[in-house]
Protein backbone atom coordinates (compact mmCIF):
# COMPACT_ATOMS: atom_id res chain seq x y z
CA MET A 1 91.36 103.27 119.34
CA ARG A 2 93.01 100.37 117.66
CA GLY A 3 92.14 97.62 119.57
CA LEU A 4 88.38 98.31 119.48
CA LYS A 5 87.66 97.79 115.84
CA THR A 6 85.07 94.97 116.59
CA PHE A 7 82.32 94.61 118.99
CA ARG A 8 84.05 91.40 119.97
CA SER A 9 87.06 93.19 121.35
CA ALA A 10 84.99 95.75 123.12
CA ARG A 11 83.10 92.80 124.89
CA ILE A 12 86.29 91.15 125.73
CA LEU A 13 87.79 94.29 127.05
CA ALA A 14 84.45 95.02 128.94
CA THR A 15 84.51 91.55 130.57
CA GLY A 16 88.04 91.55 131.77
CA HIS A 17 87.41 95.19 133.27
CA ALA A 18 84.61 93.64 135.24
CA PHE A 19 86.50 90.87 136.37
CA ILE A 20 89.09 93.21 137.63
CA GLN A 21 86.66 95.11 139.64
CA ASN A 22 84.90 92.29 141.01
CA LEU A 23 88.30 91.13 142.10
CA ARG A 24 89.11 94.25 144.05
CA ARG A 25 85.91 94.54 145.77
CA ALA A 26 86.29 90.88 147.02
CA HIS A 27 83.09 89.58 145.18
CA TYR A 28 84.74 86.30 144.82
CA ASP A 29 86.55 83.94 147.29
CA ILE A 30 89.91 84.47 145.89
CA ALA A 31 92.44 86.53 147.95
CA ASN A 32 89.76 87.89 150.58
CA ASP A 33 92.11 87.62 153.26
CA ALA A 34 94.75 89.95 151.68
CA PRO A 35 94.85 93.74 152.36
CA VAL A 36 92.96 95.78 150.01
CA HIS A 37 95.93 97.07 148.15
CA HIS A 38 97.37 93.69 147.90
CA ARG A 39 94.14 91.68 146.88
CA LEU A 40 94.51 91.82 143.11
CA PRO A 41 98.28 90.80 143.04
CA ALA A 42 97.36 87.96 145.23
CA ALA A 43 94.42 86.98 143.37
CA PHE A 44 96.37 86.52 140.33
CA HIS A 45 99.00 84.51 142.12
CA GLU A 46 96.46 82.28 143.44
CA LEU A 47 95.10 81.83 139.68
CA ALA A 48 98.29 81.24 138.39
CA LEU A 49 98.72 78.24 141.07
CA VAL A 50 95.55 76.95 139.58
CA ILE A 51 96.43 76.98 136.00
């Protein structure tokens, strides 16, 4: 548990986990047309193009 020494670290980890779960469940308009198993990589590809 080296990375969770502070509350801030735990909050960032929980926020990131929630974001990934929401992407997988298609709660956002990112990569909704991709198949379920390819939704997460497609979403990160779309996000990389925007950034």
